[in-house]
N, C-alpha and C. Protein backbone atom coordinates (compact mmCIF):
# COMPACT_ATOMS: atom_id res chain seq x y z
N MET A 1 66.41 98.41 64.20
CA MET A 1 65.57 97.32 63.84
C MET A 1 65.77 96.34 64.83
N LEU A 2 64.67 95.63 65.15
CA LEU A 2 64.62 94.56 66.16
C LEU A 2 64.39 93.18 65.62
N VAL A 3 64.75 92.16 66.36
CA VAL A 3 64.40 90.81 65.84
C VAL A 3 62.86 90.59 65.68
N ASN A 4 62.15 91.24 66.52
CA ASN A 4 60.62 91.22 66.42
C ASN A 4 60.12 91.78 65.15
N ASP A 5 60.90 92.73 64.50
CA ASP A 5 60.45 93.20 63.20
C ASP A 5 60.52 92.15 62.17
N ILE A 6 61.53 91.29 62.23
CA ILE A 6 61.69 90.16 61.30
C ILE A 6 60.55 89.11 61.56
N LEU A 7 60.39 88.81 62.77
CA LEU A 7 59.33 87.78 63.08
C LEU A 7 57.90 88.17 62.69
N ARG A 8 57.66 89.45 62.68
CA ARG A 8 56.31 90.03 62.30
C ARG A 8 56.11 89.79 60.79
N LYS A 9 57.16 89.92 60.05
CA LYS A 9 57.13 89.83 58.55
C LYS A 9 57.21 88.48 57.87
N LYS A 10 57.78 87.51 58.63
CA LYS A 10 58.03 86.24 58.05
C LYS A 10 56.97 85.17 58.55
N ASP A 11 56.99 84.15 57.77
CA ASP A 11 56.04 83.01 58.11
C ASP A 11 56.38 82.54 59.56
N ALA A 12 55.25 82.44 60.33
CA ALA A 12 55.55 82.10 61.70
C ALA A 12 55.61 80.55 61.98
N THR A 13 55.59 79.74 60.92
CA THR A 13 55.58 78.24 61.13
C THR A 13 57.00 77.96 61.64
N LEU A 14 57.02 77.12 62.72
CA LEU A 14 58.24 76.57 63.30
C LEU A 14 58.28 75.03 62.99
N TYR A 15 59.30 74.62 62.34
CA TYR A 15 59.35 73.21 62.01
C TYR A 15 60.18 72.55 63.17
N THR A 16 59.62 71.56 63.78
CA THR A 16 60.21 70.91 64.92
C THR A 16 60.29 69.43 64.78
N THR A 17 61.15 68.85 65.67
CA THR A 17 61.23 67.40 65.71
C THR A 17 61.47 67.01 67.21
N ASP A 18 61.55 65.76 67.47
CA ASP A 18 61.71 65.14 68.80
C ASP A 18 63.10 64.51 68.82
N PRO A 19 63.78 64.52 70.00
CA PRO A 19 65.12 63.98 70.09
C PRO A 19 65.07 62.52 69.71
N GLU A 20 63.96 61.81 69.89
CA GLU A 20 63.96 60.31 69.46
C GLU A 20 63.53 60.03 68.01
N THR A 21 63.32 61.08 67.29
CA THR A 21 63.04 60.84 65.84
C THR A 21 64.28 60.24 65.21
N PRO A 22 64.07 59.30 64.35
CA PRO A 22 65.16 58.79 63.58
C PRO A 22 65.81 59.83 62.67
N LEU A 23 67.01 59.78 62.64
CA LEU A 23 67.79 60.96 61.91
C LEU A 23 67.34 61.01 60.44
N LEU A 24 67.20 59.94 59.77
CA LEU A 24 66.71 59.96 58.49
C LEU A 24 65.42 60.55 58.18
N ASP A 25 64.55 60.40 59.20
CA ASP A 25 63.21 61.10 59.16
C ASP A 25 63.41 62.59 59.25
N ALA A 26 64.31 62.98 60.15
CA ALA A 26 64.50 64.42 60.27
C ALA A 26 65.24 64.99 59.13
N ILE A 27 65.94 64.32 58.37
CA ILE A 27 66.57 64.75 57.07
C ILE A 27 65.52 64.90 56.01
N HIS A 28 64.64 63.98 56.05
CA HIS A 28 63.47 64.08 55.10
C HIS A 28 62.62 65.33 55.37
N GLN A 29 62.46 65.70 56.85
CA GLN A 29 61.71 66.82 57.15
C GLN A 29 62.35 68.15 56.66
N LEU A 30 63.76 68.13 56.79
CA LEU A 30 64.62 69.22 56.36
C LEU A 30 64.19 69.41 54.81
N ASN A 31 64.32 68.34 54.12
CA ASN A 31 64.11 68.41 52.61
C ASN A 31 62.64 68.81 52.27
N ASP A 32 61.77 68.10 52.92
CA ASP A 32 60.32 68.35 52.56
C ASP A 32 59.91 69.79 52.82
N HIS A 33 60.34 70.41 53.89
CA HIS A 33 60.04 71.82 54.31
C HIS A 33 61.01 72.76 53.65
N ASN A 34 62.09 72.34 53.06
CA ASN A 34 63.06 73.20 52.42
C ASN A 34 63.57 74.27 53.38
N VAL A 35 64.00 73.69 54.59
CA VAL A 35 64.53 74.56 55.70
C VAL A 35 65.97 74.02 56.08
N GLY A 36 66.80 74.79 56.65
CA GLY A 36 68.16 74.47 57.06
C GLY A 36 68.19 73.95 58.43
N ALA A 37 67.23 74.04 59.23
CA ALA A 37 67.32 73.63 60.69
C ALA A 37 65.89 73.29 61.18
N LEU A 38 65.87 72.36 62.09
CA LEU A 38 64.73 71.92 62.85
C LEU A 38 64.90 72.22 64.30
N LEU A 39 63.98 72.81 65.10
CA LEU A 39 64.10 72.91 66.43
C LEU A 39 63.68 71.63 67.07
N VAL A 40 64.50 71.19 68.04
CA VAL A 40 64.13 69.99 68.80
C VAL A 40 63.45 70.27 70.13
N LEU A 41 62.26 69.83 70.16
CA LEU A 41 61.39 69.97 71.37
C LEU A 41 61.32 68.70 72.19
N GLU A 42 61.49 68.76 73.45
CA GLU A 42 61.25 67.70 74.33
C GLU A 42 60.23 68.06 75.47
N LYS A 43 59.12 67.41 75.43
CA LYS A 43 58.04 67.79 76.43
C LYS A 43 57.64 69.25 76.31
N GLY A 44 57.59 69.72 75.00
CA GLY A 44 57.15 71.05 74.76
C GLY A 44 58.25 72.19 74.99
N GLN A 45 59.44 71.84 75.48
CA GLN A 45 60.52 72.79 75.65
C GLN A 45 61.55 72.57 74.67
N LEU A 46 62.25 73.68 74.49
CA LEU A 46 63.36 73.71 73.48
C LEU A 46 64.55 73.01 74.04
N ALA A 47 64.93 71.84 73.35
CA ALA A 47 66.03 70.98 73.92
C ALA A 47 67.24 71.09 72.95
N GLY A 48 66.99 71.57 71.79
CA GLY A 48 68.18 71.63 70.82
C GLY A 48 67.76 72.10 69.45
N ILE A 49 68.83 71.95 68.63
CA ILE A 49 68.52 72.34 67.13
C ILE A 49 69.32 71.26 66.26
N ILE A 50 68.68 71.00 65.22
CA ILE A 50 69.47 70.14 64.34
C ILE A 50 69.58 70.80 62.94
N SER A 51 70.64 70.96 62.39
CA SER A 51 70.87 71.82 61.11
C SER A 51 71.54 70.88 60.03
N GLU A 52 71.46 71.47 58.82
CA GLU A 52 72.14 70.65 57.81
C GLU A 52 73.60 70.50 58.14
N ARG A 53 74.20 71.40 58.79
CA ARG A 53 75.67 71.31 59.18
C ARG A 53 75.79 70.17 60.10
N ASP A 54 74.83 69.94 61.03
CA ASP A 54 75.00 68.83 62.06
C ASP A 54 74.90 67.54 61.19
N VAL A 55 74.05 67.42 60.23
CA VAL A 55 73.83 66.24 59.43
C VAL A 55 75.11 65.95 58.64
N LEU A 56 75.76 66.98 58.03
CA LEU A 56 77.04 66.75 57.29
C LEU A 56 78.13 66.34 58.19
N HIS A 57 78.23 66.91 59.41
CA HIS A 57 79.25 66.36 60.44
C HIS A 57 78.94 64.90 60.67
N ALA A 58 77.73 64.49 60.90
CA ALA A 58 77.37 63.14 61.19
C ALA A 58 77.74 62.15 60.11
N VAL A 59 77.47 62.62 58.89
CA VAL A 59 77.85 61.81 57.71
C VAL A 59 79.32 61.64 57.70
N GLY A 60 80.13 62.67 57.99
CA GLY A 60 81.61 62.58 57.90
C GLY A 60 82.16 61.71 58.95
N LYS A 61 81.62 61.74 60.10
CA LYS A 61 82.03 60.97 61.28
C LYS A 61 81.63 59.51 61.24
N ASN A 62 80.46 59.18 60.52
CA ASN A 62 79.90 57.82 60.53
C ASN A 62 79.89 57.07 59.23
N ASP A 63 80.79 57.75 58.21
CA ASP A 63 80.91 57.20 56.94
C ASP A 63 79.53 56.94 56.27
N GLY A 64 78.56 57.84 56.61
CA GLY A 64 77.24 57.81 55.93
C GLY A 64 76.26 56.77 56.67
N GLY A 65 76.71 56.08 57.74
CA GLY A 65 75.90 55.15 58.38
C GLY A 65 74.94 55.81 59.25
N LEU A 66 73.84 56.50 58.84
CA LEU A 66 72.93 57.21 59.67
C LEU A 66 71.69 56.45 60.08
N GLY A 67 71.57 55.23 59.51
CA GLY A 67 70.34 54.51 59.60
C GLY A 67 69.77 54.25 60.99
N LYS A 68 70.77 54.03 61.92
CA LYS A 68 70.36 53.77 63.32
C LYS A 68 70.41 54.93 64.24
N MET A 69 70.86 56.09 63.66
CA MET A 69 70.96 57.21 64.53
C MET A 69 69.71 57.89 64.80
N LYS A 70 69.58 58.61 65.88
CA LYS A 70 68.48 59.49 66.22
C LYS A 70 68.89 60.95 66.23
N VAL A 71 67.88 61.87 66.28
CA VAL A 71 68.12 63.20 66.31
C VAL A 71 69.10 63.62 67.52
N ARG A 72 68.75 62.96 68.60
CA ARG A 72 69.45 63.09 69.97
C ARG A 72 70.98 62.94 69.70
N ASP A 73 71.34 62.07 68.83
CA ASP A 73 72.72 61.72 68.58
C ASP A 73 73.64 62.93 68.05
N ILE A 74 72.97 63.73 67.36
CA ILE A 74 73.70 64.79 66.64
C ILE A 74 73.25 66.27 66.83
N MET A 75 72.10 66.40 67.59
CA MET A 75 71.63 67.80 67.69
C MET A 75 72.46 68.66 68.63
N THR A 76 72.42 69.90 68.29
CA THR A 76 73.24 70.84 69.13
C THR A 76 72.33 71.22 70.41
N THR A 77 72.87 71.05 71.53
CA THR A 77 72.21 71.31 72.78
C THR A 77 72.64 72.55 73.48
N ASP A 78 73.89 73.07 73.17
CA ASP A 78 74.44 74.19 73.75
C ASP A 78 73.97 75.40 72.91
N LEU A 79 72.67 75.77 73.15
CA LEU A 79 72.14 76.79 72.27
C LEU A 79 72.41 78.20 72.53
N ILE A 80 72.58 78.98 71.47
CA ILE A 80 72.65 80.39 71.54
C ILE A 80 71.26 80.85 71.06
N THR A 81 70.75 81.76 71.90
CA THR A 81 69.41 82.22 71.66
C THR A 81 69.36 83.78 71.64
N CYS A 82 68.21 84.40 71.36
CA CYS A 82 68.15 85.78 71.46
C CYS A 82 66.73 86.13 71.85
N ASP A 83 66.49 87.33 72.26
CA ASP A 83 65.28 87.94 72.75
C ASP A 83 64.64 88.62 71.51
N PRO A 84 63.32 88.67 71.46
CA PRO A 84 62.72 89.39 70.31
C PRO A 84 62.89 90.75 70.20
N ASN A 85 63.35 91.39 71.37
CA ASN A 85 63.66 92.82 71.47
C ASN A 85 65.21 93.00 71.18
N ALA A 86 65.88 92.06 70.85
CA ALA A 86 67.34 92.30 70.44
C ALA A 86 67.54 93.09 69.22
N ASN A 87 68.59 93.90 69.34
CA ASN A 87 68.89 94.81 68.22
C ASN A 87 69.47 93.94 67.03
N LEU A 88 69.01 94.19 65.76
CA LEU A 88 69.37 93.29 64.72
C LEU A 88 70.83 93.38 64.36
N ASP A 89 71.50 94.53 64.52
CA ASP A 89 72.86 94.62 64.32
C ASP A 89 73.74 93.78 65.26
N LYS A 90 73.24 93.82 66.52
CA LYS A 90 73.99 93.02 67.52
C LYS A 90 73.77 91.44 67.24
N VAL A 91 72.61 91.19 66.76
CA VAL A 91 72.28 89.76 66.46
C VAL A 91 73.17 89.28 65.23
N MET A 92 73.41 90.22 64.27
CA MET A 92 74.08 89.89 63.06
C MET A 92 75.55 89.58 63.52
N VAL A 93 76.14 90.47 64.49
CA VAL A 93 77.44 90.22 64.90
C VAL A 93 77.55 88.89 65.62
N LEU A 94 76.56 88.64 66.53
CA LEU A 94 76.54 87.37 67.24
C LEU A 94 76.61 86.18 66.29
N MET A 95 75.72 86.18 65.30
CA MET A 95 75.65 85.04 64.41
C MET A 95 76.94 84.89 63.60
N THR A 96 77.56 86.01 63.22
CA THR A 96 78.84 85.92 62.49
C THR A 96 79.94 85.48 63.36
N GLU A 97 80.03 86.03 64.66
CA GLU A 97 81.09 85.60 65.48
C GLU A 97 81.04 84.08 65.85
N LYS A 98 79.78 83.69 66.15
CA LYS A 98 79.53 82.31 66.63
C LYS A 98 79.39 81.22 65.51
N ARG A 99 79.39 81.82 64.29
CA ARG A 99 79.28 80.99 63.04
C ARG A 99 78.04 80.11 63.06
N ILE A 100 76.93 80.81 63.38
CA ILE A 100 75.61 80.08 63.38
C ILE A 100 74.68 80.72 62.31
N ARG A 101 73.89 79.89 61.74
CA ARG A 101 72.96 80.37 60.67
C ARG A 101 71.45 80.39 61.08
N HIS A 102 71.26 79.84 62.24
CA HIS A 102 69.88 79.81 62.83
C HIS A 102 69.79 80.15 64.31
N LEU A 103 68.92 81.03 64.65
CA LEU A 103 68.93 81.49 66.08
C LEU A 103 67.52 81.48 66.64
N PRO A 104 67.25 80.55 67.58
CA PRO A 104 65.97 80.41 68.25
C PRO A 104 65.73 81.81 69.00
N VAL A 105 64.48 82.17 68.93
CA VAL A 105 64.14 83.45 69.64
C VAL A 105 63.22 83.04 70.91
N LEU A 106 63.67 83.44 72.09
CA LEU A 106 63.05 83.07 73.42
C LEU A 106 62.64 84.36 74.06
N GLU A 107 61.32 84.33 74.56
CA GLU A 107 60.85 85.59 75.33
C GLU A 107 60.33 84.88 76.76
N GLU A 108 61.12 85.26 77.73
CA GLU A 108 60.87 84.80 79.05
C GLU A 108 61.01 83.26 79.12
N GLY A 109 61.91 82.73 78.33
CA GLY A 109 62.11 81.28 78.29
C GLY A 109 61.20 80.49 77.34
N LYS A 110 60.25 81.24 76.71
CA LYS A 110 59.38 80.54 75.89
C LYS A 110 59.70 80.79 74.36
N LEU A 111 59.74 79.73 73.68
CA LEU A 111 60.06 79.80 72.25
C LEU A 111 59.02 80.58 71.43
N THR A 112 59.59 81.66 70.79
CA THR A 112 58.58 82.49 70.00
C THR A 112 58.89 82.51 68.63
N GLY A 113 60.07 82.08 68.09
CA GLY A 113 60.38 82.05 66.71
C GLY A 113 61.73 81.50 66.43
N LEU A 114 62.08 81.65 65.18
CA LEU A 114 63.47 81.28 64.73
C LEU A 114 63.78 82.23 63.55
N ILE A 115 64.93 82.78 63.66
CA ILE A 115 65.46 83.57 62.50
C ILE A 115 66.70 82.95 61.95
N SER A 116 66.94 83.18 60.67
CA SER A 116 68.16 82.68 59.98
C SER A 116 69.01 83.82 59.56
N ILE A 117 70.18 83.61 59.27
CA ILE A 117 71.12 84.58 58.75
C ILE A 117 70.51 85.34 57.47
N GLY A 118 69.81 84.44 56.74
CA GLY A 118 69.21 84.94 55.44
C GLY A 118 68.07 85.90 55.87
N ASP A 119 67.32 85.74 56.91
CA ASP A 119 66.31 86.67 57.33
C ASP A 119 66.97 87.94 57.77
N VAL A 120 68.04 87.94 58.42
CA VAL A 120 68.79 89.14 58.95
C VAL A 120 69.39 89.92 57.63
N VAL A 121 70.03 89.22 56.82
CA VAL A 121 70.57 89.83 55.70
C VAL A 121 69.43 90.56 54.79
N LYS A 122 68.33 89.80 54.53
CA LYS A 122 67.32 90.35 53.73
C LYS A 122 66.73 91.59 54.37
N SER A 123 66.56 91.59 55.75
CA SER A 123 65.96 92.78 56.40
C SER A 123 66.93 93.88 56.29
N ARG A 124 68.21 93.58 56.51
CA ARG A 124 69.27 94.73 56.45
C ARG A 124 69.30 95.23 55.01
N LEU A 125 69.26 94.45 53.98
CA LEU A 125 69.28 94.87 52.58
C LEU A 125 68.04 95.80 52.34
N ARG A 126 66.89 95.43 52.84
CA ARG A 126 65.69 96.37 52.71
C ARG A 126 65.82 97.66 53.36
N GLU A 127 66.47 97.65 54.53
CA GLU A 127 66.82 98.85 55.22
C GLU A 127 67.67 99.78 54.44
N ILE A 128 68.79 99.13 53.95
CA ILE A 128 69.75 99.94 53.20
C ILE A 128 69.22 100.54 51.94
N GLU A 129 68.30 99.73 51.27
CA GLU A 129 67.60 100.19 50.03
C GLU A 129 66.70 101.42 50.32
N SER A 130 65.99 101.29 51.41
CA SER A 130 65.02 102.36 51.88
C SER A 130 65.84 103.67 52.14
N GLU A 131 66.98 103.49 52.94
CA GLU A 131 67.78 104.63 53.22
C GLU A 131 68.38 105.20 51.90
N ALA A 132 68.78 104.44 50.95
CA ALA A 132 69.40 104.98 49.71
C ALA A 132 68.22 105.82 48.91
N GLN A 133 67.07 105.18 48.91
CA GLN A 133 65.93 105.82 48.22
C GLN A 133 65.67 107.24 48.96
N ASP A 134 65.55 107.18 50.33
CA ASP A 134 65.45 108.48 51.01
C ASP A 134 66.46 109.57 50.64
N LEU A 135 67.74 109.06 50.50
CA LEU A 135 68.79 110.02 50.11
C LEU A 135 68.56 110.55 48.73
N LYS A 136 68.26 109.56 47.82
CA LYS A 136 67.98 110.08 46.38
C LYS A 136 66.91 111.06 46.38
N ASP A 137 65.84 110.82 47.08
CA ASP A 137 64.66 111.70 47.06
C ASP A 137 65.10 113.00 47.75
N TYR A 138 65.79 112.99 48.73
CA TYR A 138 66.33 114.23 49.37
C TYR A 138 67.16 115.11 48.43
N ILE A 139 68.04 114.47 47.72
CA ILE A 139 68.94 115.10 46.73
C ILE A 139 68.05 115.78 45.54
N ARG A 140 67.09 114.94 45.12
CA ARG A 140 66.15 115.53 44.06
C ARG A 140 65.11 116.54 44.58
N GLY A 141 65.03 116.73 45.90
CA GLY A 141 64.11 117.65 46.58
C GLY A 141 62.71 117.06 46.56
N VAL A 142 62.54 115.67 46.52
CA VAL A 142 61.33 115.01 46.60
C VAL A 142 61.08 114.73 48.10
N ARG A 143 59.83 114.95 48.66
CA ARG A 143 59.64 114.60 49.99
C ARG A 143 58.37 113.67 50.08
């Protein structure tokens, strides 16, 4: 299974923000859209990502004083990305080893989607359930 298989099945909406967005506004966006991360675009190009984890780190470092901060102040800019044709098993290993829950998908440098560890696990579970059903059918002689 490939990353593209997940992208075809999920909602294609990408929630984005700007580096100059006030941090509190970005937090509201996370809550309003019920998502764990926002892609940060600058002049239409992927510049970073801001996740719930980034927000928690900022709260811890700034004793909750986020009022004057902007997305730029806490966004992750050293991005790990993947290609839509990447093998899902390899992506799962990458996300686990790097301890990341959101992975931007780029094709020839252009942002085409975002997958989460939840997307990967859900896809893998469906695959396992399908294989288990196939084995049960085989054992029962059903084709």
